[in-house]
Amino acid sequence: MPMKTSSAAGPPNRTTARNCVLINQLATPGLGSLMAGRWIVGLGQLLLAVAGFVMVVGYFVLHLTNVYNKLVNDAEPKPVGWLGEAGALIFGVAWLWALVTSIQLLRSAKAAESTL
């Protein structure tokens, strides 16, 4: 059986749509989209969210390394703030994209329910 693409996924029922929205917005952007069968969109959102998260964690590690080197070796800190800012921005884009998908899921569930 071939994998469904974003356009081939049918409308979820209201409960499923609500659960997917909660996962998308409060847990991991993209995961709720994947649960709703929006494979291409969900993978894009999830990849952006993971990339942003990894960049923010990398910023914290480099920042702590700078603090340690300053205390122990009196070394001049290297600028790493850009990494945290870029990571937060990328994660924010993934979250906003998941919000748009979540709204579409709720609307399609409501429309499917009203046609029954």
PDB file of N, CA and C in Angstrom:
ATOM      1  N   MET A   1       0.838  -1.170   0.000  1.00  0.00           N
ATOM      2  CA  MET A   1       0.000   0.000   0.000  1.00  0.00           C
ATOM      3  C   MET A   1       0.889   1.241   0.000  1.00  0.00           C
ATOM      4  N   PRO A   2       0.685   2.161  -0.940  1.00  0.00           N
ATOM      5  CA  PRO A   2       1.549   3.344  -1.004  1.00  0.00           C
ATOM      6  C   PRO A   2       1.288   4.297   0.156  1.00  0.00           C
ATOM      7  N   MET A   3       2.327   5.057   0.486  1.00  0.00           N
ATOM      8  CA  MET A   3       2.218   6.026   1.570  1.00  0.00           C
ATOM      9  C   MET A   3       1.370   7.208   1.114  1.00  0.00           C
ATOM     10  N   LYS A   4       0.487   7.678   1.996  1.00  0.00           N
ATOM     11  CA  LYS A   4      -0.357   8.825   1.674  1.00  0.00           C
ATOM     12  C   LYS A   4       0.483  10.096   1.665  1.00  0.00           C
ATOM     13  N   THR A   5       0.193  10.957   0.733  1.00  0.00           N
ATOM     14  CA  THR A   5       0.837  12.270   0.731  1.00  0.00           C
ATOM     15  C   THR A   5      -0.066  13.247   1.443  1.00  0.00           C
ATOM     16  N   SER A   6       0.375  14.457   1.549  1.00  0.00           N
ATOM     17  CA  SER A   6      -0.381  15.483   2.251  1.00  0.00           C
ATOM     18  C   SER A   6      -1.764  15.677   1.667  1.00  0.00           C
ATOM     19  N   SER A   7      -1.889  15.655   0.351  1.00  0.00           N
ATOM     20  CA  SER A   7      -3.175  15.906  -0.271  1.00  0.00           C
ATOM     21  C   SER A   7      -4.077  14.681  -0.254  1.00  0.00           C
ATOM     22  N   ALA A   8      -3.511  13.483  -0.040  1.00  0.00           N
ATOM     23  CA  ALA A   8      -4.312  12.264  -0.083  1.00  0.00           C
ATOM     24  C   ALA A   8      -4.940  11.931   1.262  1.00  0.00           C
ATOM     25  N   ALA A   9      -4.538  12.600   2.321  1.00  0.00           N
ATOM     26  CA  ALA A   9      -5.074  12.299   3.641  1.00  0.00           C
ATOM     27  C   ALA A   9      -6.493  12.837   3.749  1.00  0.00           C
ATOM     28  N   GLY A  10      -7.381  12.006   4.263  1.00  0.00           N
ATOM     29  CA  GLY A  10      -8.769  12.429   4.429  1.00  0.00           C
ATOM     30  C   GLY A  10      -8.926  13.290   5.666  1.00  0.00           C
ATOM     31  N   PRO A  11     -10.090  13.922   5.810  1.00  0.00           N
ATOM     32  CA  PRO A  11     -10.312  14.771   6.976  1.00  0.00           C
ATOM     33  C   PRO A  11     -10.478  13.921   8.242  1.00  0.00           C
ATOM     34  N   PRO A  12      -9.823  14.301   9.315  1.00  0.00           N
ATOM     35  CA  PRO A  12      -9.967  13.555  10.573  1.00  0.00           C
ATOM     36  C   PRO A  12     -11.285  13.921  11.248  1.00  0.00           C
ATOM     37  N   ASN A  13     -11.714  13.090  12.198  1.00  0.00           N
ATOM     38  CA  ASN A  13     -12.886  13.478  12.975  1.00  0.00           C
ATOM     39  C   ASN A  13     -12.461  14.544  13.982  1.00  0.00           C
ATOM     40  N   ARG A  14     -13.415  15.121  14.665  1.00  0.00           N
ATOM     41  CA  ARG A  14     -13.133  16.260  15.532  1.00  0.00           C
ATOM     42  C   ARG A  14     -12.199  15.910  16.690  1.00  0.00           C
ATOM     43  N   THR A  15     -12.393  14.743  17.280  1.00  0.00           N
ATOM     44  CA  THR A  15     -11.546  14.323  18.405  1.00  0.00           C
ATOM     45  C   THR A  15     -10.108  14.109  17.952  1.00  0.00           C
ATOM     46  N   THR A  16      -9.936  13.442  16.837  1.00  0.00           N
ATOM     47  CA  THR A  16      -8.589  13.213  16.301  1.00  0.00           C
ATOM     48  C   THR A  16      -7.923  14.541  15.953  1.00  0.00           C
ATOM     49  N   ALA A  17      -8.670  15.435  15.332  1.00  0.00           N
ATOM     50  CA  ALA A  17      -8.120  16.745  14.966  1.00  0.00           C
ATOM     51  C   ALA A  17      -7.686  17.508  16.214  1.00  0.00           C
ATOM     52  N   ARG A  18      -8.522  17.483  17.255  1.00  0.00           N
ATOM     53  CA  ARG A  18      -8.173  18.182  18.498  1.00  0.00           C
ATOM     54  C   ARG A  18      -6.897  17.609  19.107  1.00  0.00           C
ATOM     55  N   ASN A  19      -6.794  16.284  19.147  1.00  0.00           N
ATOM     56  CA  ASN A  19      -5.596  15.653  19.707  1.00  0.00           C
ATOM     57  C   ASN A  19      -4.350  15.980  18.884  1.00  0.00           C
ATOM     58  N   CYS A  20      -4.494  15.998  17.575  1.00  0.00           N
ATOM     59  CA  CYS A  20      -3.364  16.345  16.708  1.00  0.00           C
ATOM     60  C   CYS A  20      -2.930  17.795  16.922  1.00  0.00           C
ATOM     61  N   VAL A  21      -3.905  18.688  17.112  1.00  0.00           N
ATOM     62  CA  VAL A  21      -3.585  20.095  17.376  1.00  0.00           C
ATOM     63  C   VAL A  21      -2.837  20.230  18.696  1.00  0.00           C
ATOM     64  N   LEU A  22      -3.306  19.530  19.726  1.00  0.00           N
ATOM     65  CA  LEU A  22      -2.625  19.605  21.025  1.00  0.00           C
ATOM     66  C   LEU A  22      -1.188  19.106  20.934  1.00  0.00           C
ATOM     67  N   ILE A  23      -0.981  18.008  20.219  1.00  0.00           N
ATOM     68  CA  ILE A  23       0.383  17.485  20.041  1.00  0.00           C
ATOM     69  C   ILE A  23       1.228  18.466  19.241  1.00  0.00           C
ATOM     70  N   ASN A  24       0.667  19.015  18.168  1.00  0.00           N
ATOM     71  CA  ASN A  24       1.400  19.957  17.313  1.00  0.00           C
ATOM     72  C   ASN A  24       1.823  21.205  18.085  1.00  0.00           C
ATOM     73  N   GLN A  25       0.924  21.756  18.876  1.00  0.00           N
ATOM     74  CA  GLN A  25       1.187  23.054  19.494  1.00  0.00           C
ATOM     75  C   GLN A  25       1.828  22.965  20.873  1.00  0.00           C
ATOM     76  N   LEU A  26       1.601  21.892  21.603  1.00  0.00           N
ATOM     77  CA  LEU A  26       2.096  21.830  22.972  1.00  0.00           C
ATOM     78  C   LEU A  26       3.210  20.814  23.194  1.00  0.00           C
ATOM     79  N   ALA A  27       3.428  19.932  22.244  1.00  0.00           N
ATOM     80  CA  ALA A  27       4.476  18.922  22.427  1.00  0.00           C
ATOM     81  C   ALA A  27       5.580  19.091  21.386  1.00  0.00           C
ATOM     82  N   THR A  28       5.335  18.629  20.181  1.00  0.00           N
ATOM     83  CA  THR A  28       6.349  18.677  19.126  1.00  0.00           C
ATOM     84  C   THR A  28       5.716  19.107  17.815  1.00  0.00           C
ATOM     85  N   PRO A  29       6.124  20.248  17.278  1.00  0.00           N
ATOM     86  CA  PRO A  29       5.585  20.659  15.983  1.00  0.00           C
ATOM     87  C   PRO A  29       5.881  19.603  14.914  1.00  0.00           C
ATOM     88  N   GLY A  30       4.841  19.216  14.195  1.00  0.00           N
ATOM     89  CA  GLY A  30       4.988  18.224  13.144  1.00  0.00           C
ATOM     90  C   GLY A  30       4.492  16.855  13.544  1.00  0.00           C
ATOM     91  N   LEU A  31       4.582  16.521  14.808  1.00  0.00           N
ATOM     92  CA  LEU A  31       4.150  15.200  15.249  1.00  0.00           C
ATOM     93  C   LEU A  31       2.637  15.044  15.122  1.00  0.00           C
ATOM     94  N   GLY A  32       1.902  16.080  15.474  1.00  0.00           N
ATOM     95  CA  GLY A  32       0.452  16.036  15.307  1.00  0.00           C
ATOM     96  C   GLY A  32       0.059  15.981  13.847  1.00  0.00           C
ATOM     97  N   SER A  33       0.801  16.671  13.002  1.00  0.00           N
ATOM     98  CA  SER A  33       0.529  16.626  11.565  1.00  0.00           C
ATOM     99  C   SER A  33       0.754  15.219  11.024  1.00  0.00           C
ATOM    100  N   LEU A  34       1.795  14.561  11.490  1.00  0.00           N
ATOM    101  CA  LEU A  34       2.049  13.183  11.089  1.00  0.00           C
ATOM    102  C   LEU A  34       0.924  12.267  11.564  1.00  0.00           C
ATOM    103  N   MET A  35       0.452  12.492  12.785  1.00  0.00           N
ATOM    104  CA  MET A  35      -0.643  11.686  13.318  1.00  0.00           C
ATOM    105  C   MET A  35      -1.917  11.858  12.501  1.00  0.00           C
ATOM    106  N   ALA A  36      -2.097  13.032  11.924  1.00  0.00           N
ATOM    107  CA  ALA A  36      -3.280  13.309  11.111  1.00  0.00           C
ATOM    108  C   ALA A  36      -3.127  12.810   9.679  1.00  0.00           C
ATOM    109  N   GLY A  37      -1.984  12.243   9.342  1.00  0.00           N
ATOM    110  CA  GLY A  37      -1.768  11.720   8.001  1.00  0.00           C
ATOM    111  C   GLY A  37      -1.194  12.723   7.027  1.00  0.00           C
ATOM    112  N   ARG A  38      -0.775  13.880   7.512  1.00  0.00           N
ATOM    113  CA  ARG A  38      -0.158  14.900   6.648  1.00  0.00           C
ATOM    114  C   ARG A  38       1.352  14.647   6.650  1.00  0.00           C
ATOM    115  N   TRP A  39       1.796  13.660   5.869  1.00  0.00           N
ATOM    116  CA  TRP A  39       3.161  13.156   5.942  1.00  0.00           C
ATOM    117  C   TRP A  39       4.203  14.173   5.504  1.00  0.00           C
ATOM    118  N   ILE A  40       4.022  14.772   4.362  1.00  0.00           N
ATOM    119  CA  ILE A  40       5.040  15.681   3.825  1.00  0.00           C
ATOM    120  C   ILE A  40       5.155  16.922   4.704  1.00  0.00           C
ATOM    121  N   VAL A  41       4.024  17.515   5.021  1.00  0.00           N
ATOM    122  CA  VAL A  41       4.004  18.713   5.861  1.00  0.00           C
ATOM    123  C   VAL A  41       4.537  18.389   7.256  1.00  0.00           C
ATOM    124  N   GLY A  42       4.101  17.263   7.810  1.00  0.00           N
ATOM    125  CA  GLY A  42       4.531  16.865   9.148  1.00  0.00           C
ATOM    126  C   GLY A  42       6.030  16.629   9.229  1.00  0.00           C
ATOM    127  N   LEU A  43       6.584  15.973   8.215  1.00  0.00           N
ATOM    128  CA  LEU A  43       8.033  15.731   8.220  1.00  0.00           C
ATOM    129  C   LEU A  43       8.811  17.044   8.121  1.00  0.00           C
ATOM    130  N   GLY A  44       8.321  17.965   7.290  1.00  0.00           N
ATOM    131  CA  GLY A  44       8.976  19.266   7.194  1.00  0.00           C
ATOM    132  C   GLY A  44       8.959  20.011   8.515  1.00  0.00           C
ATOM    133  N   GLN A  45       7.808  20.019   9.167  1.00  0.00           N
ATOM    134  CA  GLN A  45       7.688  20.694  10.461  1.00  0.00           C
ATOM    135  C   GLN A  45       8.577  20.034  11.508  1.00  0.00           C
ATOM    136  N   LEU A  46       8.563  18.715  11.528  1.00  0.00           N
ATOM    137  CA  LEU A  46       9.358  17.991  12.517  1.00  0.00           C
ATOM    138  C   LEU A  46      10.856  18.207  12.291  1.00  0.00           C
ATOM    139  N   LEU A  47      11.295  18.200  11.048  1.00  0.00           N
ATOM    140  CA  LEU A  47      12.720  18.427  10.763  1.00  0.00           C
ATOM    141  C   LEU A  47      13.150  19.835  11.172  1.00  0.00           C
ATOM    142  N   LEU A  48      12.309  20.828  10.891  1.00  0.00           N
ATOM    143  CA  LEU A  48      12.633  22.193  11.315  1.00  0.00           C
ATOM    144  C   LEU A  48      12.683  22.306  12.833  1.00  0.00           C
ATOM    145  N   ALA A  49      11.715  21.699  13.510  1.00  0.00           N
ATOM    146  CA  ALA A  49      11.671  21.767  14.968  1.00  0.00           C
ATOM    147  C   ALA A  49      12.902  21.103  15.583  1.00  0.00           C
ATOM    148  N   VAL A  50      13.275  19.943  15.077  1.00  0.00           N
ATOM    149  CA  VAL A  50      14.451  19.240  15.611  1.00  0.00           C
ATOM    150  C   VAL A  50      15.720  20.032  15.322  1.00  0.00           C
ATOM    151  N   ALA A  51      15.836  20.594  14.116  1.00  0.00           N
ATOM    152  CA  ALA A  51      17.020  21.388  13.783  1.00  0.00           C
ATOM    153  C   ALA A  51      17.130  22.604  14.705  1.00  0.00           C
ATOM    154  N   GLY A  52      16.019  23.299  14.927  1.00  0.00           N
ATOM    155  CA  GLY A  52      16.031  24.450  15.830  1.00  0.00           C
ATOM    156  C   GLY A  52      16.391  24.056  17.243  1.00  0.00           C
ATOM    157  N   PHE A  53      15.838  22.950  17.712  1.00  0.00           N
ATOM    158  CA  PHE A  53      16.131  22.480  19.070  1.00  0.00           C
ATOM    159  C   PHE A  53      17.613  22.127  19.221  1.00  0.00           C
ATOM    160  N   VAL A  54      18.159  21.435  18.235  1.00  0.00           N
ATOM    161  CA  VAL A  54      19.579  21.055  18.289  1.00  0.00           C
ATOM    162  C   VAL A  54      20.460  22.309  18.304  1.00  0.00           C
ATOM    163  N   MET A  55      20.082  23.323  17.541  1.00  0.00           N
ATOM    164  CA  MET A  55      20.866  24.559  17.516  1.00  0.00           C
ATOM    165  C   MET A  55      20.815  25.275  18.866  1.00  0.00           C
ATOM    166  N   VAL A  56      19.658  25.296  19.513  1.00  0.00           N
ATOM    167  CA  VAL A  56      19.546  25.939  20.825  1.00  0.00           C
ATOM    168  C   VAL A  56      20.361  25.172  21.866  1.00  0.00           C
ATOM    169  N   VAL A  57      20.298  23.850  21.837  1.00  0.00           N
ATOM    170  CA  VAL A  57      21.102  23.052  22.764  1.00  0.00           C
ATOM    171  C   VAL A  57      22.588  23.267  22.487  1.00  0.00           C
ATOM    172  N   GLY A  58      22.965  23.335  21.212  1.00  0.00           N
ATOM    173  CA  GLY A  58      24.361  23.615  20.866  1.00  0.00           C
ATOM    174  C   GLY A  58      24.814  24.961  21.399  1.00  0.00           C
ATOM    175  N   TYR A  59      23.927  25.951  21.323  1.00  0.00           N
ATOM    176  CA  TYR A  59      24.236  27.271  21.890  1.00  0.00           C
ATOM    177  C   TYR A  59      24.514  27.163  23.382  1.00  0.00           C
ATOM    178  N   PHE A  60      23.651  26.459  24.112  1.00  0.00           N
ATOM    179  CA  PHE A  60      23.856  26.331  25.556  1.00  0.00           C
ATOM    180  C   PHE A  60      25.178  25.637  25.877  1.00  0.00           C
ATOM    181  N   VAL A  61      25.512  24.602  25.129  1.00  0.00           N
ATOM    182  CA  VAL A  61      26.775  23.888  25.363  1.00  0.00           C
ATOM    183  C   VAL A  61      27.962  24.815  25.092  1.00  0.00           C
ATOM    184  N   LEU A  62      27.928  25.537  23.978  1.00  0.00           N
ATOM    185  CA  LEU A  62      29.041  26.448  23.658  1.00  0.00           C
ATOM    186  C   LEU A  62      29.123  27.606  24.656  1.00  0.00           C
ATOM    187  N   HIS A  63      27.977  28.091  25.103  1.00  0.00           N
ATOM    188  CA  HIS A  63      27.970  29.166  26.088  1.00  0.00           C
ATOM    189  C   HIS A  63      28.578  28.691  27.413  1.00  0.00           C
ATOM    190  N   LEU A  64      28.196  27.499  27.845  1.00  0.00           N
ATOM    191  CA  LEU A  64      28.776  26.959  29.084  1.00  0.00           C
ATOM    192  C   LEU A  64      30.269  26.699  28.928  1.00  0.00           C
ATOM    193  N   THR A  65      30.698  26.285  27.746  1.00  0.00           N
ATOM    194  CA  THR A  65      32.128  26.105  27.486  1.00  0.00           C
ATOM    195  C   THR A  65      32.857  27.438  27.588  1.00  0.00           C
ATOM    196  N   ASN A  66      32.245  28.497  27.042  1.00  0.00           N
ATOM    197  CA  ASN A  66      32.834  29.832  27.147  1.00  0.00           C
ATOM    198  C   ASN A  66      32.956  30.277  28.604  1.00  0.00           C
ATOM    199  N   VAL A  67      31.916  30.037  29.384  1.00  0.00           N
ATOM    200  CA  VAL A  67      31.947  30.430  30.800  1.00  0.00           C
ATOM    201  C   VAL A  67      33.038  29.659  31.529  1.00  0.00           C
ATOM    202  N   TYR A  68      33.130  28.365  31.273  1.00  0.00           N
ATOM    203  CA  TYR A  68      34.161  27.550  31.910  1.00  0.00           C
ATOM    204  C   TYR A  68      35.561  28.043  31.523  1.00  0.00           C
ATOM    205  N   ASN A  69      35.786  28.282  30.235  1.00  0.00           N
ATOM    206  CA  ASN A  69      37.105  28.754  29.787  1.00  0.00           C
ATOM    207  C   ASN A  69      37.440  30.125  30.360  1.00  0.00           C
ATOM    208  N   LYS A  70      36.450  30.956  30.542  1.00  0.00           N
ATOM    209  CA  LYS A  70      36.678  32.284  31.141  1.00  0.00           C
ATOM    210  C   LYS A  70      37.102  32.138  32.596  1.00  0.00           C
ATOM    211  N   LEU A  71      36.440  31.234  33.324  1.00  0.00           N
ATOM    212  CA  LEU A  71      36.768  31.046  34.734  1.00  0.00           C
ATOM    213  C   LEU A  71      38.113  30.356  34.939  1.00  0.00           C
ATOM    214  N   VAL A  72      38.398  29.345  34.154  1.00  0.00           N
ATOM    215  CA  VAL A  72      39.594  28.538  34.363  1.00  0.00           C
ATOM    216  C   VAL A  72      40.811  29.136  33.665  1.00  0.00           C
ATOM    217  N   ASN A  73      40.670  29.511  32.409  1.00  0.00           N
ATOM    218  CA  ASN A  73      41.822  29.957  31.624  1.00  0.00           C
ATOM    219  C   ASN A  73      41.859  31.457  31.397  1.00  0.00           C
ATOM    220  N   ASP A  74      40.872  32.166  31.885  1.00  0.00           N
ATOM    221  CA  ASP A  74      40.745  33.603  31.654  1.00  0.00           C
ATOM    222  C   ASP A  74      40.761  33.910  30.151  1.00  0.00           C
ATOM    223  N   ALA A  75      40.140  32.996  29.383  1.00  0.00           N
ATOM    224  CA  ALA A  75      40.096  33.136  27.925  1.00  0.00           C
ATOM    225  C   ALA A  75      38.955  34.063  27.522  1.00  0.00           C
ATOM    226  N   GLU A  76      39.151  34.711  26.408  1.00  0.00           N
ATOM    227  CA  GLU A  76      38.120  35.595  25.866  1.00  0.00           C
ATOM    228  C   GLU A  76      36.995  34.732  25.275  1.00  0.00           C
ATOM    229  N   PRO A  77      35.734  35.001  25.621  1.00  0.00           N
ATOM    230  CA  PRO A  77      34.640  34.172  25.094  1.00  0.00           C
ATOM    231  C   PRO A  77      34.420  34.383  23.599  1.00  0.00           C
ATOM    232  N   LYS A  78      34.048  33.306  22.929  1.00  0.00           N
ATOM    233  CA  LYS A  78      33.737  33.372  21.503  1.00  0.00           C
ATOM    234  C   LYS A  78      32.255  33.681  21.346  1.00  0.00           C
ATOM    235  N   PRO A  79      31.890  34.489  20.354  1.00  0.00           N
ATOM    236  CA  PRO A  79      30.466  34.817  20.179  1.00  0.00           C
ATOM    237  C   PRO A  79      29.681  33.603  19.673  1.00  0.00           C
ATOM    238  N   VAL A  80      28.662  33.219  20.427  1.00  0.00           N
ATOM    239  CA  VAL A  80      27.840  32.075  20.037  1.00  0.00           C
ATOM    240  C   VAL A  80      26.344  32.405  20.092  1.00  0.00           C
ATOM    241  N   GLY A  81      26.010  33.636  20.400  1.00  0.00           N
ATOM    242  CA  GLY A  81      24.611  34.014  20.526  1.00  0.00           C
ATOM    243  C   GLY A  81      23.804  33.809  19.265  1.00  0.00           C
ATOM    244  N   TRP A  82      24.457  33.956  18.112  1.00  0.00           N
ATOM    245  CA  TRP A  82      23.759  33.786  16.838  1.00  0.00           C
ATOM    246  C   TRP A  82      23.163  32.391  16.709  1.00  0.00           C
ATOM    247  N   LEU A  83      23.833  31.392  17.286  1.00  0.00           N
ATOM    248  CA  LEU A  83      23.361  30.009  17.168  1.00  0.00           C
ATOM    249  C   LEU A  83      22.041  29.824  17.914  1.00  0.00           C
ATOM    250  N   GLY A  84      21.956  30.378  19.111  1.00  0.00           N
ATOM    251  CA  GLY A  84      20.720  30.288  19.874  1.00  0.00           C
ATOM    252  C   GLY A  84      19.585  31.057  19.222  1.00  0.00           C
ATOM    253  N   GLU A  85      19.899  32.248  18.715  1.00  0.00           N
ATOM    254  CA  GLU A  85      18.866  33.057  18.055  1.00  0.00           C
ATOM    255  C   GLU A  85      18.351  32.376  16.787  1.00  0.00           C
ATOM    256  N   ALA A  86      19.259  31.841  15.986  1.00  0.00           N
ATOM    257  CA  ALA A  86      18.855  31.156  14.752  1.00  0.00           C
ATOM    258  C   ALA A  86      18.044  29.899  15.078  1.00  0.00           C
ATOM    259  N   GLY A  87      18.465  29.161  16.096  1.00  0.00           N
ATOM    260  CA  GLY A  87      17.737  27.962  16.494  1.00  0.00           C
ATOM    261  C   GLY A  87      16.338  28.283  16.984  1.00  0.00           C
ATOM    262  N   ALA A  88      16.215  29.342  17.788  1.00  0.00           N
ATOM    263  CA  ALA A  88      14.895  29.743  18.280  1.00  0.00           C
ATOM    264  C   ALA A  88      14.007  30.205  17.122  1.00  0.00           C
ATOM    265  N   LEU A  89      14.589  30.914  16.178  1.00  0.00           N
ATOM    266  CA  LEU A  89      13.826  31.380  15.018  1.00  0.00           C
ATOM    267  C   LEU A  89      13.344  30.198  14.176  1.00  0.00           C
ATOM    268  N   ILE A  90      14.211  29.241  13.932  1.00  0.00           N
ATOM    269  CA  ILE A  90      13.843  28.069  13.141  1.00  0.00           C
ATOM    270  C   ILE A  90      12.760  27.264  13.848  1.00  0.00           C
ATOM    271  N   PHE A  91      12.897  27.077  15.164  1.00  0.00           N
ATOM    272  CA  PHE A  91      11.869  26.363  15.909  1.00  0.00           C
ATOM    273  C   PHE A  91      10.550  27.126  15.865  1.00  0.00           C
ATOM    274  N   GLY A  92      10.616  28.453  15.965  1.00  0.00           N
ATOM    275  CA  GLY A  92       9.412  29.280  15.883  1.00  0.00           C
ATOM    276  C   GLY A  92       8.717  29.149  14.547  1.00  0.00           C
ATOM    277  N   VAL A  93       9.481  29.078  13.468  1.00  0.00           N
ATOM    278  CA  VAL A  93       8.899  28.889  12.141  1.00  0.00           C
ATOM    279  C   VAL A  93       8.186  27.537  12.081  1.00  0.00           C
ATOM    280  N   ALA A  94       8.809  26.503  12.628  1.00  0.00           N
ATOM    281  CA  ALA A  94       8.182  25.178  12.643  1.00  0.00           C
ATOM    282  C   ALA A  94       6.883  25.214  13.444  1.00  0.00           C
ATOM    283  N   TRP A  95       6.886  25.905  14.568  1.00  0.00           N
ATOM    284  CA  TRP A  95       5.694  25.989  15.416  1.00  0.00           C
ATOM    285  C   TRP A  95       4.576  26.739  14.698  1.00  0.00           C
ATOM    286  N   LEU A  96       4.915  27.842  14.029  1.00  0.00           N
ATOM    287  CA  LEU A  96       3.899  28.600  13.291  1.00  0.00           C
ATOM    288  C   LEU A  96       3.342  27.794  12.117  1.00  0.00           C
ATOM    289  N   TRP A  97       4.200  27.069  11.432  1.00  0.00           N
ATOM    290  CA  TRP A  97       3.767  26.213  10.334  1.00  0.00           C
ATOM    291  C   TRP A  97       2.822  25.133  10.870  1.00  0.00           C
ATOM    292  N   ALA A  98       3.158  24.564  12.029  1.00  0.00           N
ATOM    293  CA  ALA A  98       2.285  23.569  12.654  1.00  0.00           C
ATOM    294  C   ALA A  98       0.959  24.199  13.073  1.00  0.00           C
ATOM    295  N   LEU A  99       0.977  25.467  13.471  1.00  0.00           N
ATOM    296  CA  LEU A  99      -0.259  26.162  13.829  1.00  0.00           C
ATOM    297  C   LEU A  99      -1.178  26.285  12.611  1.00  0.00           C
ATOM    298  N   VAL A 100      -0.613  26.639  11.474  1.00  0.00           N
ATOM    299  CA  VAL A 100      -1.400  26.745  10.244  1.00  0.00           C
ATOM    300  C   VAL A 100      -2.006  25.386   9.893  1.00  0.00           C
ATOM    301  N   THR A 101      -1.212  24.327   9.981  1.00  0.00           N
ATOM    302  CA  THR A 101      -1.716  22.989   9.700  1.00  0.00           C
ATOM    303  C   THR A 101      -2.787  22.593  10.706  1.00  0.00           C
ATOM    304  N   SER A 102      -2.594  22.968  11.968  1.00  0.00           N
ATOM    305  CA  SER A 102      -3.574  22.644  13.003  1.00  0.00           C
ATOM    306  C   SER A 102      -4.918  23.315  12.723  1.00  0.00           C
ATOM    307  N   ILE A 103      -4.876  24.559  12.306  1.00  0.00           N
ATOM    308  CA  ILE A 103      -6.116  25.274  11.969  1.00  0.00           C
ATOM    309  C   ILE A 103      -6.796  24.597  10.778  1.00  0.00           C
ATOM    310  N   GLN A 104      -6.002  24.183   9.791  1.00  0.00           N
ATOM    311  CA  GLN A 104      -6.566  23.481   8.637  1.00  0.00           C
ATOM    312  C   GLN A 104      -7.203  22.156   9.053  1.00  0.00           C
ATOM    313  N   LEU A 105      -6.571  21.451   9.987  1.00  0.00           N
ATOM    314  CA  LEU A 105      -7.126  20.188  10.473  1.00  0.00           C
ATOM    315  C   LEU A 105      -8.472  20.410  11.150  1.00  0.00           C
ATOM    316  N   LEU A 106      -8.537  21.426  12.012  1.00  0.00           N
ATOM    317  CA  LEU A 106      -9.793  21.709  12.709  1.00  0.00           C
ATOM    318  C   LEU A 106     -10.896  22.108  11.727  1.00  0.00           C
ATOM    319  N   ARG A 107     -10.556  22.910  10.748  1.00  0.00           N
ATOM    320  CA  ARG A 107     -11.547  23.334   9.755  1.00  0.00           C
ATOM    321  C   ARG A 107     -12.033  22.152   8.914  1.00  0.00           C
ATOM    322  N   SER A 108     -11.114  21.286   8.507  1.00  0.00           N
ATOM    323  CA  SER A 108     -11.529  20.143   7.686  1.00  0.00           C
ATOM    324  C   SER A 108     -12.358  19.153   8.501  1.00  0.00           C
ATOM    325  N   ALA A 109     -12.044  18.996   9.794  1.00  0.00           N
ATOM    326  CA  ALA A 109     -12.844  18.125  10.640  1.00  0.00           C
ATOM    327  C   ALA A 109     -14.254  18.694  10.829  1.00  0.00           C
ATOM    328  N   LYS A 110     -14.341  20.008  11.009  1.00  0.00           N
ATOM    329  CA  LYS A 110     -15.644  20.649  11.174  1.00  0.00           C
ATOM    330  C   LYS A 110     -16.463  20.545   9.889  1.00  0.00           C
ATOM    331  N   ALA A 111     -15.810  20.746   8.750  1.00  0.00           N
ATOM    332  CA  ALA A 111     -16.513  20.643   7.465  1.00  0.00           C
ATOM    333  C   ALA A 111     -16.990  19.225   7.194  1.00  0.00           C
ATOM    334  N   ALA A 112     -16.146  18.234   7.520  1.00  0.00           N
ATOM    335  CA  ALA A 112     -16.526  16.837   7.308  1.00  0.00           C
ATOM    336  C   ALA A 112     -17.681  16.460   8.227  1.00  0.00           C
ATOM    337  N   GLU A 113     -17.689  16.988   9.429  1.00  0.00           N
ATOM    338  CA  GLU A 113     -18.758  16.695  10.378  1.00  0.00           C
ATOM    339  C   GLU A 113     -20.082  17.322   9.939  1.00  0.00           C
ATOM    340  N   SER A 114     -20.015  18.507   9.347  1.00  0.00           N
ATOM    341  CA  SER A 114     -21.242  19.186   8.940  1.00  0.00           C
ATOM    342  C   SER A 114     -21.853  18.563   7.688  1.00  0.00           C
ATOM    343  N   THR A 115     -21.067  17.833   6.891  1.00  0.00           N
ATOM    344  CA  THR A 115     -21.604  17.184   5.691  1.00  0.00           C
ATOM    345  C   THR A 115     -22.267  15.856   6.015  1.00  0.00           C
ATOM    346  N   LEU A 116     -22.052  15.355   7.207  1.00  0.00           N
ATOM    347  CA  LEU A 116     -22.662  14.059   7.579  1.00  0.00           C
ATOM    348  C   LEU A 116     -24.099  14.178   7.927  1.00  0.00           C
TER     349      LEU A 116
END
